[in-house]
Amino acid sequence: MIEVNDAIKKAKQWVRNIFEEEQISNLGLEEIKHEHDGRWKITLGFSRPWDAINPYLSFGGAKLPPPRTLKVITIDDGTGEIISVENRE
């Protein structure tokens, strides 16, 4: 059985590797869920360079953070294998 901290680390490392060429930033944990079927659902958020907000478009002069992409990584609790990655709306 894979522990929650190990599942999070595995999901983050996998996302860093798979999206390496896209130069993601601000990778962070958003949600964790352990399903009844023995799978971890780890939601991670990150930013991509092309998601950057135009610096001339701001709210009252305040710099706005770039939008985040949310991905749900499913990990088998028994084997630690990454099963899927999905967009989260």
PDB file of N, CA and C in Angstrom:
ATOM      1  N   MET A   1       0.848  -1.186   0.000  1.00  0.00           N
ATOM      2  CA  MET A   1       0.000   0.000   0.000  1.00  0.00           C
ATOM      3  C   MET A   1       0.889   1.244   0.000  1.00  0.00           C
ATOM      4  N   ILE A   2       0.611   2.145  -0.911  1.00  0.00           N
ATOM      5  CA  ILE A   2       1.379   3.384  -1.012  1.00  0.00           C
ATOM      6  C   ILE A   2       0.757   4.436  -0.088  1.00  0.00           C
ATOM      7  N   GLU A   3       1.588   5.073   0.705  1.00  0.00           N
ATOM      8  CA  GLU A   3       1.124   6.102   1.636  1.00  0.00           C
ATOM      9  C   GLU A   3       0.811   7.390   0.882  1.00  0.00           C
ATOM     10  N   VAL A   4      -0.023   8.234   1.467  1.00  0.00           N
ATOM     11  CA  VAL A   4      -0.458   9.455   0.813  1.00  0.00           C
ATOM     12  C   VAL A   4       0.721  10.358   0.438  1.00  0.00           C
ATOM     13  N   ASN A   5       1.682  10.537   1.323  1.00  0.00           N
ATOM     14  CA  ASN A   5       2.828  11.396   1.004  1.00  0.00           C
ATOM     15  C   ASN A   5       3.626  10.857  -0.173  1.00  0.00           C
ATOM     16  N   ASP A   6       3.758   9.548  -0.250  1.00  0.00           N
ATOM     17  CA  ASP A   6       4.472   8.930  -1.371  1.00  0.00           C
ATOM     18  C   ASP A   6       3.684   9.094  -2.673  1.00  0.00           C
ATOM     19  N   ALA A   7       2.365   8.992  -2.584  1.00  0.00           N
ATOM     20  CA  ALA A   7       1.522   9.170  -3.768  1.00  0.00           C
ATOM     21  C   ALA A   7       1.637  10.603  -4.288  1.00  0.00           C
ATOM     22  N   ILE A   8       1.671  11.572  -3.392  1.00  0.00           N
ATOM     23  CA  ILE A   8       1.808  12.974  -3.788  1.00  0.00           C
ATOM     24  C   ILE A   8       3.157  13.207  -4.456  1.00  0.00           C
ATOM     25  N   LYS A   9       4.225  12.707  -3.834  1.00  0.00           N
ATOM     26  CA  LYS A   9       5.561  12.873  -4.401  1.00  0.00           C
ATOM     27  C   LYS A   9       5.655  12.235  -5.782  1.00  0.00           C
ATOM     28  N   LYS A  10       5.099  11.048  -5.910  1.00  0.00           N
ATOM     29  CA  LYS A  10       5.128  10.330  -7.189  1.00  0.00           C
ATOM     30  C   LYS A  10       4.363  11.121  -8.254  1.00  0.00           C
ATOM     31  N   ALA A  11       3.187  11.622  -7.905  1.00  0.00           N
ATOM     32  CA  ALA A  11       2.378  12.393  -8.857  1.00  0.00           C
ATOM     33  C   ALA A  11       3.113  13.658  -9.290  1.00  0.00           C
ATOM     34  N   LYS A  12       3.712  14.373  -8.341  1.00  0.00           N
ATOM     35  CA  LYS A  12       4.439  15.599  -8.677  1.00  0.00           C
ATOM     36  C   LYS A  12       5.623  15.310  -9.590  1.00  0.00           C
ATOM     37  N   GLN A  13       6.393  14.289  -9.267  1.00  0.00           N
ATOM     38  CA  GLN A  13       7.555  13.951 -10.089  1.00  0.00           C
ATOM     39  C   GLN A  13       7.124  13.533 -11.482  1.00  0.00           C
ATOM     40  N   TRP A  14       6.054  12.779 -11.581  1.00  0.00           N
ATOM     41  CA  TRP A  14       5.549  12.337 -12.877  1.00  0.00           C
ATOM     42  C   TRP A  14       5.116  13.534 -13.718  1.00  0.00           C
ATOM     43  N   VAL A  15       4.397  14.478 -13.104  1.00  0.00           N
ATOM     44  CA  VAL A  15       3.950  15.671 -13.828  1.00  0.00           C
ATOM     45  C   VAL A  15       5.153  16.498 -14.271  1.00  0.00           C
ATOM     46  N   ARG A  16       6.146  16.667 -13.381  1.00  0.00           N
ATOM     47  CA  ARG A  16       7.363  17.401 -13.774  1.00  0.00           C
ATOM     48  C   ARG A  16       8.014  16.749 -14.995  1.00  0.00           C
ATOM     49  N   ASN A  17       8.101  15.432 -15.002  1.00  0.00           N
ATOM     50  CA  ASN A  17       8.739  14.710 -16.108  1.00  0.00           C
ATOM     51  C   ASN A  17       7.926  14.797 -17.393  1.00  0.00           C
ATOM     52  N   ILE A  18       6.642  14.528 -17.310  1.00  0.00           N
ATOM     53  CA  ILE A  18       5.807  14.437 -18.509  1.00  0.00           C
ATOM     54  C   ILE A  18       5.599  15.805 -19.170  1.00  0.00           C
ATOM     55  N   PHE A  19       5.580  16.873 -18.369  1.00  0.00           N
ATOM     56  CA  PHE A  19       5.376  18.222 -18.900  1.00  0.00           C
ATOM     57  C   PHE A  19       6.669  19.039 -18.943  1.00  0.00           C
ATOM     58  N   GLU A  20       7.811  18.375 -18.861  1.00  0.00           N
ATOM     59  CA  GLU A  20       9.107  19.057 -18.798  1.00  0.00           C
ATOM     60  C   GLU A  20       9.316  20.032 -19.959  1.00  0.00           C
ATOM     61  N   GLU A  21       9.015  19.616 -21.156  1.00  0.00           N
ATOM     62  CA  GLU A  21       9.230  20.467 -22.325  1.00  0.00           C
ATOM     63  C   GLU A  21       8.323  21.690 -22.339  1.00  0.00           C
ATOM     64  N   GLU A  22       7.253  21.663 -21.568  1.00  0.00           N
ATOM     65  CA  GLU A  22       6.324  22.783 -21.536  1.00  0.00           C
ATOM     66  C   GLU A  22       6.705  23.828 -20.482  1.00  0.00           C
ATOM     67  N   GLN A  23       7.790  23.590 -19.764  1.00  0.00           N
ATOM     68  CA  GLN A  23       8.332  24.531 -18.783  1.00  0.00           C
ATOM     69  C   GLN A  23       7.270  25.006 -17.792  1.00  0.00           C
ATOM     70  N   ILE A  24       6.613  24.063 -17.151  1.00  0.00           N
ATOM     71  CA  ILE A  24       5.586  24.414 -16.173  1.00  0.00           C
ATOM     72  C   ILE A  24       6.228  25.062 -14.941  1.00  0.00           C
ATOM     73  N   SER A  25       5.421  25.807 -14.213  1.00  0.00           N
ATOM     74  CA  SER A  25       5.880  26.433 -12.973  1.00  0.00           C
ATOM     75  C   SER A  25       4.744  26.400 -11.960  1.00  0.00           C
ATOM     76  N   ASN A  26       5.060  26.768 -10.758  1.00  0.00           N
ATOM     77  CA  ASN A  26       4.056  26.854  -9.684  1.00  0.00           C
ATOM     78  C   ASN A  26       3.314  25.537  -9.455  1.00  0.00           C
ATOM     79  N   LEU A  27       4.029  24.414  -9.561  1.00  0.00           N
ATOM     80  CA  LEU A  27       3.403  23.105  -9.343  1.00  0.00           C
ATOM     81  C   LEU A  27       3.024  22.966  -7.879  1.00  0.00           C
ATOM     82  N   GLY A  28       1.768  22.631  -7.635  1.00  0.00           N
ATOM     83  CA  GLY A  28       1.323  22.494  -6.256  1.00  0.00           C
ATOM     84  C   GLY A  28       0.141  21.560  -6.107  1.00  0.00           C
ATOM     85  N   LEU A  29       0.017  21.028  -4.911  1.00  0.00           N
ATOM     86  CA  LEU A  29      -1.078  20.128  -4.566  1.00  0.00           C
ATOM     87  C   LEU A  29      -2.371  20.914  -4.391  1.00  0.00           C
ATOM     88  N   GLU A  30      -3.444  20.408  -4.983  1.00  0.00           N
ATOM     89  CA  GLU A  30      -4.765  21.039  -4.864  1.00  0.00           C
ATOM     90  C   GLU A  30      -5.730  20.178  -4.056  1.00  0.00           C
ATOM     91  N   GLU A  31      -5.788  18.870  -4.372  1.00  0.00           N
ATOM     92  CA  GLU A  31      -6.730  17.982  -3.691  1.00  0.00           C
ATOM     93  C   GLU A  31      -6.175  16.562  -3.633  1.00  0.00           C
ATOM     94  N   ILE A  32      -6.654  15.820  -2.639  1.00  0.00           N
ATOM     95  CA  ILE A  32      -6.311  14.396  -2.495  1.00  0.00           C
ATOM     96  C   ILE A  32      -7.609  13.647  -2.205  1.00  0.00           C
ATOM     97  N   LYS A  33      -7.772  12.520  -2.861  1.00  0.00           N
ATOM     98  CA  LYS A  33      -8.933  11.674  -2.575  1.00  0.00           C
ATOM     99  C   LYS A  33      -8.513  10.214  -2.697  1.00  0.00           C
ATOM    100  N   HIS A  34      -8.910   9.405  -1.726  1.00  0.00           N
ATOM    101  CA  HIS A  34      -8.654   7.969  -1.802  1.00  0.00           C
ATOM    102  C   HIS A  34      -9.978   7.299  -2.145  1.00  0.00           C
ATOM    103  N   GLU A  35     -10.016   6.663  -3.306  1.00  0.00           N
ATOM    104  CA  GLU A  35     -11.245   6.030  -3.801  1.00  0.00           C
ATOM    105  C   GLU A  35     -11.467   4.678  -3.139  1.00  0.00           C
ATOM    106  N   HIS A  36     -12.712   4.214  -3.178  1.00  0.00           N
ATOM    107  CA  HIS A  36     -13.070   2.910  -2.601  1.00  0.00           C
ATOM    108  C   HIS A  36     -12.418   1.745  -3.337  1.00  0.00           C
ATOM    109  N   ASP A  37     -12.035   1.979  -4.601  1.00  0.00           N
ATOM    110  CA  ASP A  37     -11.407   0.904  -5.377  1.00  0.00           C
ATOM    111  C   ASP A  37      -9.893   0.823  -5.153  1.00  0.00           C
ATOM    112  N   GLY A  38      -9.385   1.564  -4.173  1.00  0.00           N
ATOM    113  CA  GLY A  38      -7.963   1.488  -3.843  1.00  0.00           C
ATOM    114  C   GLY A  38      -7.076   2.341  -4.731  1.00  0.00           C
ATOM    115  N   ARG A  39      -7.594   3.438  -5.224  1.00  0.00           N
ATOM    116  CA  ARG A  39      -6.814   4.337  -6.061  1.00  0.00           C
ATOM    117  C   ARG A  39      -6.757   5.720  -5.428  1.00  0.00           C
ATOM    118  N   TRP A  40      -5.594   6.349  -5.564  1.00  0.00           N
ATOM    119  CA  TRP A  40      -5.438   7.735  -5.141  1.00  0.00           C
ATOM    120  C   TRP A  40      -5.778   8.641  -6.319  1.00  0.00           C
ATOM    121  N   LYS A  41      -6.528   9.687  -6.043  1.00  0.00           N
ATOM    122  CA  LYS A  41      -6.795  10.741  -7.022  1.00  0.00           C
ATOM    123  C   LYS A  41      -6.093  11.987  -6.478  1.00  0.00           C
ATOM    124  N   ILE A  42      -4.987  12.358  -7.110  1.00  0.00           N
ATOM    125  CA  ILE A  42      -4.178  13.490  -6.677  1.00  0.00           C
ATOM    126  C   ILE A  42      -4.363  14.609  -7.703  1.00  0.00           C
ATOM    127  N   THR A  43      -4.941  15.732  -7.277  1.00  0.00           N
ATOM    128  CA  THR A  43      -5.113  16.873  -8.164  1.00  0.00           C
ATOM    129  C   THR A  43      -3.959  17.841  -7.949  1.00  0.00           C
ATOM    130  N   LEU A  44      -3.251  18.131  -9.041  1.00  0.00           N
ATOM    131  CA  LEU A  44      -2.130  19.059  -9.014  1.00  0.00           C
ATOM    132  C   LEU A  44      -2.441  20.232  -9.935  1.00  0.00           C
ATOM    133  N   GLY A  45      -1.998  21.401  -9.528  1.00  0.00           N
ATOM    134  CA  GLY A  45      -2.150  22.594 -10.355  1.00  0.00           C
ATOM    135  C   GLY A  45      -0.787  23.127 -10.741  1.00  0.00           C
ATOM    136  N   PHE A  46      -0.715  23.748 -11.922  1.00  0.00           N
ATOM    137  CA  PHE A  46       0.525  24.371 -12.371  1.00  0.00           C
ATOM    138  C   PHE A  46       0.205  25.411 -13.423  1.00  0.00           C
ATOM    139  N   SER A  47       1.204  26.228 -13.738  1.00  0.00           N
ATOM    140  CA  SER A  47       1.063  27.262 -14.758  1.00  0.00           C
ATOM    141  C   SER A  47       1.979  26.931 -15.921  1.00  0.00           C
ATOM    142  N   ARG A  48       1.554  27.347 -17.101  1.00  0.00           N
ATOM    143  CA  ARG A  48       2.348  27.185 -18.317  1.00  0.00           C
ATOM    144  C   ARG A  48       2.713  28.576 -18.825  1.00  0.00           C
ATOM    145  N   PRO A  49       3.857  28.707 -19.515  1.00  0.00           N
ATOM    146  CA  PRO A  49       4.273  30.032 -19.986  1.00  0.00           C
ATOM    147  C   PRO A  49       3.216  30.735 -20.839  1.00  0.00           C
ATOM    148  N   TRP A  50       2.509  30.004 -21.688  1.00  0.00           N
ATOM    149  CA  TRP A  50       1.533  30.647 -22.571  1.00  0.00           C
ATOM    150  C   TRP A  50       0.235  31.028 -21.853  1.00  0.00           C
ATOM    151  N   ASP A  51       0.104  30.629 -20.586  1.00  0.00           N
ATOM    152  CA  ASP A  51      -1.065  31.024 -19.807  1.00  0.00           C
ATOM    153  C   ASP A  51      -0.874  32.382 -19.138  1.00  0.00           C
ATOM    154  N   ALA A  52       0.328  32.951 -19.245  1.00  0.00           N
ATOM    155  CA  ALA A  52       0.615  34.215 -18.567  1.00  0.00           C
ATOM    156  C   ALA A  52      -0.356  35.297 -19.020  1.00  0.00           C
ATOM    157  N   ILE A  53      -0.787  36.062 -18.070  1.00  0.00           N
ATOM    158  CA  ILE A  53      -1.719  37.157 -18.350  1.00  0.00           C
ATOM    159  C   ILE A  53      -0.924  38.343 -18.889  1.00  0.00           C
ATOM    160  N   ASN A  54      -1.475  38.986 -19.871  1.00  0.00           N
ATOM    161  CA  ASN A  54      -0.859  40.182 -20.433  1.00  0.00           C
ATOM    162  C   ASN A  54      -0.627  41.189 -19.304  1.00  0.00           C
ATOM    163  N   PRO A  55       0.624  41.680 -19.144  1.00  0.00           N
ATOM    164  CA  PRO A  55       0.913  42.602 -18.040  1.00  0.00           C
ATOM    165  C   PRO A  55       0.125  43.898 -18.113  1.00  0.00           C
ATOM    166  N   TYR A  56      -0.403  44.227 -19.295  1.00  0.00           N
ATOM    167  CA  TYR A  56      -1.194  45.444 -19.429  1.00  0.00           C
ATOM    168  C   TYR A  56      -2.635  45.243 -18.974  1.00  0.00           C
ATOM    169  N   LEU A  57      -3.016  43.982 -18.791  1.00  0.00           N
ATOM    170  CA  LEU A  57      -4.342  43.677 -18.279  1.00  0.00           C
ATOM    171  C   LEU A  57      -4.207  43.326 -16.806  1.00  0.00           C
ATOM    172  N   SER A  58      -4.568  44.238 -15.964  1.00  0.00           N
ATOM    173  CA  SER A  58      -4.458  43.992 -14.530  1.00  0.00           C
ATOM    174  C   SER A  58      -5.687  44.540 -13.846  1.00  0.00           C
ATOM    175  N   PHE A  59      -5.793  44.254 -12.594  1.00  0.00           N
ATOM    176  CA  PHE A  59      -6.943  44.691 -11.818  1.00  0.00           C
ATOM    177  C   PHE A  59      -6.479  45.781 -10.869  1.00  0.00           C
ATOM    178  N   GLY A  60      -6.800  47.012 -11.187  1.00  0.00           N
ATOM    179  CA  GLY A  60      -6.428  48.121 -10.326  1.00  0.00           C
ATOM    180  C   GLY A  60      -4.923  48.269 -10.153  1.00  0.00           C
ATOM    181  N   GLY A  61      -4.172  47.908 -11.171  1.00  0.00           N
ATOM    182  CA  GLY A  61      -2.721  48.018 -11.099  1.00  0.00           C
ATOM    183  C   GLY A  61      -2.033  46.842 -10.438  1.00  0.00           C
ATOM    184  N   ALA A  62      -2.810  45.940  -9.844  1.00  0.00           N
ATOM    185  CA  ALA A  62      -2.222  44.764  -9.187  1.00  0.00           C
ATOM    186  C   ALA A  62      -1.898  43.707 -10.226  1.00  0.00           C
ATOM    187  N   LYS A  63      -0.751  43.097 -10.076  1.00  0.00           N
ATOM    188  CA  LYS A  63      -0.366  42.021 -10.987  1.00  0.00           C
ATOM    189  C   LYS A  63      -1.184  40.771 -10.642  1.00  0.00           C
ATOM    190  N   LEU A  64      -1.807  40.201 -11.653  1.00  0.00           N
ATOM    191  CA  LEU A  64      -2.626  39.006 -11.455  1.00  0.00           C
ATOM    192  C   LEU A  64      -1.783  37.755 -11.660  1.00  0.00           C
ATOM    193  N   PRO A  65      -2.005  36.727 -10.855  1.00  0.00           N
ATOM    194  CA  PRO A  65      -1.259  35.478 -11.062  1.00  0.00           C
ATOM    195  C   PRO A  65      -1.730  34.786 -12.343  1.00  0.00           C
ATOM    196  N   PRO A  66      -0.837  34.002 -12.968  1.00  0.00           N
ATOM    197  CA  PRO A  66      -1.263  33.290 -14.174  1.00  0.00           C
ATOM    198  C   PRO A  66      -2.320  32.244 -13.836  1.00  0.00           C
ATOM    199  N   PRO A  67      -3.202  31.969 -14.782  1.00  0.00           N
ATOM    200  CA  PRO A  67      -4.183  30.904 -14.548  1.00  0.00           C
ATOM    201  C   PRO A  67      -3.479  29.565 -14.330  1.00  0.00           C
ATOM    202  N   ARG A  68      -4.171  28.661 -13.666  1.00  0.00           N
ATOM    203  CA  ARG A  68      -3.579  27.348 -13.373  1.00  0.00           C
ATOM    204  C   ARG A  68      -4.295  26.262 -14.151  1.00  0.00           C
ATOM    205  N   THR A  69      -3.512  25.316 -14.613  1.00  0.00           N
ATOM    206  CA  THR A  69      -4.026  24.090 -15.210  1.00  0.00           C
ATOM    207  C   THR A  69      -4.163  23.085 -14.077  1.00  0.00           C
ATOM    208  N   LEU A  70      -5.281  22.387 -14.015  1.00  0.00           N
ATOM    209  CA  LEU A  70      -5.496  21.367 -12.987  1.00  0.00           C
ATOM    210  C   LEU A  70      -5.551  19.992 -13.643  1.00  0.00           C
ATOM    211  N   LYS A  71      -4.747  19.074 -13.116  1.00  0.00           N
ATOM    212  CA  LYS A  71      -4.701  17.700 -13.608  1.00  0.00           C
ATOM    213  C   LYS A  71      -4.956  16.745 -12.452  1.00  0.00           C
ATOM    214  N   VAL A  72      -5.755  15.720 -12.712  1.00  0.00           N
ATOM    215  CA  VAL A  72      -6.021  14.672 -11.728  1.00  0.00           C
ATOM    216  C   VAL A  72      -5.190  13.454 -12.120  1.00  0.00           C
ATOM    217  N   ILE A  73      -4.278  13.076 -11.233  1.00  0.00           N
ATOM    218  CA  ILE A  73      -3.409  11.929 -11.447  1.00  0.00           C
ATOM    219  C   ILE A  73      -3.979  10.773 -10.627  1.00  0.00           C
ATOM    220  N   THR A  74      -4.269   9.651 -11.277  1.00  0.00           N
ATOM    221  CA  THR A  74      -4.785   8.469 -10.590  1.00  0.00           C
ATOM    222  C   THR A  74      -3.649   7.478 -10.409  1.00  0.00           C
ATOM    223  N   ILE A  75      -3.467   7.047  -9.165  1.00  0.00           N
ATOM    224  CA  ILE A  75      -2.384   6.127  -8.814  1.00  0.00           C
ATOM    225  C   ILE A  75      -2.965   4.901  -8.138  1.00  0.00           C
ATOM    226  N   ASP A  76      -2.540   3.717  -8.589  1.00  0.00           N
ATOM    227  CA  ASP A  76      -2.962   2.471  -7.954  1.00  0.00           C
ATOM    228  C   ASP A  76      -2.332   2.389  -6.570  1.00  0.00           C
ATOM    229  N   ASP A  77      -3.166   2.219  -5.560  1.00  0.00           N
ATOM    230  CA  ASP A  77      -2.709   2.185  -4.167  1.00  0.00           C
ATOM    231  C   ASP A  77      -1.812   0.982  -3.883  1.00  0.00           C
ATOM    232  N   GLY A  78      -2.038  -0.118  -4.544  1.00  0.00           N
ATOM    233  CA  GLY A  78      -1.269  -1.331  -4.295  1.00  0.00           C
ATOM    234  C   GLY A  78       0.099  -1.336  -4.942  1.00  0.00           C
ATOM    235  N   THR A  79       0.152  -0.894  -6.220  1.00  0.00           N
ATOM    236  CA  THR A  79       1.401  -0.972  -6.972  1.00  0.00           C
ATOM    237  C   THR A  79       2.145   0.355  -7.065  1.00  0.00           C
ATOM    238  N   GLY A  80       1.446   1.453  -6.835  1.00  0.00           N
ATOM    239  CA  GLY A  80       2.049   2.772  -6.991  1.00  0.00           C
ATOM    240  C   GLY A  80       2.142   3.209  -8.444  1.00  0.00           C
ATOM    241  N   GLU A  81       1.498   2.448  -9.336  1.00  0.00           N
ATOM    242  CA  GLU A  81       1.537   2.738 -10.768  1.00  0.00           C
ATOM    243  C   GLU A  81       0.609   3.903 -11.113  1.00  0.00           C
ATOM    244  N   ILE A  82       1.103   4.800 -11.982  1.00  0.00           N
ATOM    245  CA  ILE A  82       0.255   5.874 -12.511  1.00  0.00           C
ATOM    246  C   ILE A  82      -0.706   5.237 -13.515  1.00  0.00           C
ATOM    247  N   ILE A  83      -1.982   5.428 -13.278  1.00  0.00           N
ATOM    248  CA  ILE A  83      -2.994   4.825 -14.137  1.00  0.00           C
ATOM    249  C   ILE A  83      -3.490   5.806 -15.189  1.00  0.00           C
ATOM    250  N   SER A  84      -3.687   7.063 -14.777  1.00  0.00           N
ATOM    251  CA  SER A  84      -4.199   8.039 -15.739  1.00  0.00           C
ATOM    252  C   SER A  84      -3.895   9.463 -15.279  1.00  0.00           C
ATOM    253  N   VAL A  85      -4.027  10.364 -16.242  1.00  0.00           N
ATOM    254  CA  VAL A  85      -4.001  11.798 -15.988  1.00  0.00           C
ATOM    255  C   VAL A  85      -5.169  12.396 -16.752  1.00  0.00           C
ATOM    256  N   GLU A  86      -5.929  13.228 -16.071  1.00  0.00           N
ATOM    257  CA  GLU A  86      -7.118  13.821 -16.673  1.00  0.00           C
ATOM    258  C   GLU A  86      -7.163  15.305 -16.351  1.00  0.00           C
ATOM    259  N   ASN A  87      -7.816  16.061 -17.234  1.00  0.00           N
ATOM    260  CA  ASN A  87      -8.064  17.473 -16.953  1.00  0.00           C
ATOM    261  C   ASN A  87      -9.150  17.578 -15.893  1.00  0.00           C
ATOM    262  N   ARG A  88      -9.000  18.534 -15.021  1.00  0.00           N
ATOM    263  CA  ARG A  88     -10.077  18.821 -14.074  1.00  0.00           C
ATOM    264  C   ARG A  88     -10.651  20.170 -14.440  1.00  0.00           C
ATOM    265  N   GLU A  89     -11.917  20.199 -14.612  1.00  0.00           N
ATOM    266  CA  GLU A  89     -12.603  21.439 -15.019  1.00  0.00           C
ATOM    267  C   GLU A  89     -12.860  22.317 -13.823  1.00  0.00           C
TER     268      GLU A  89
END
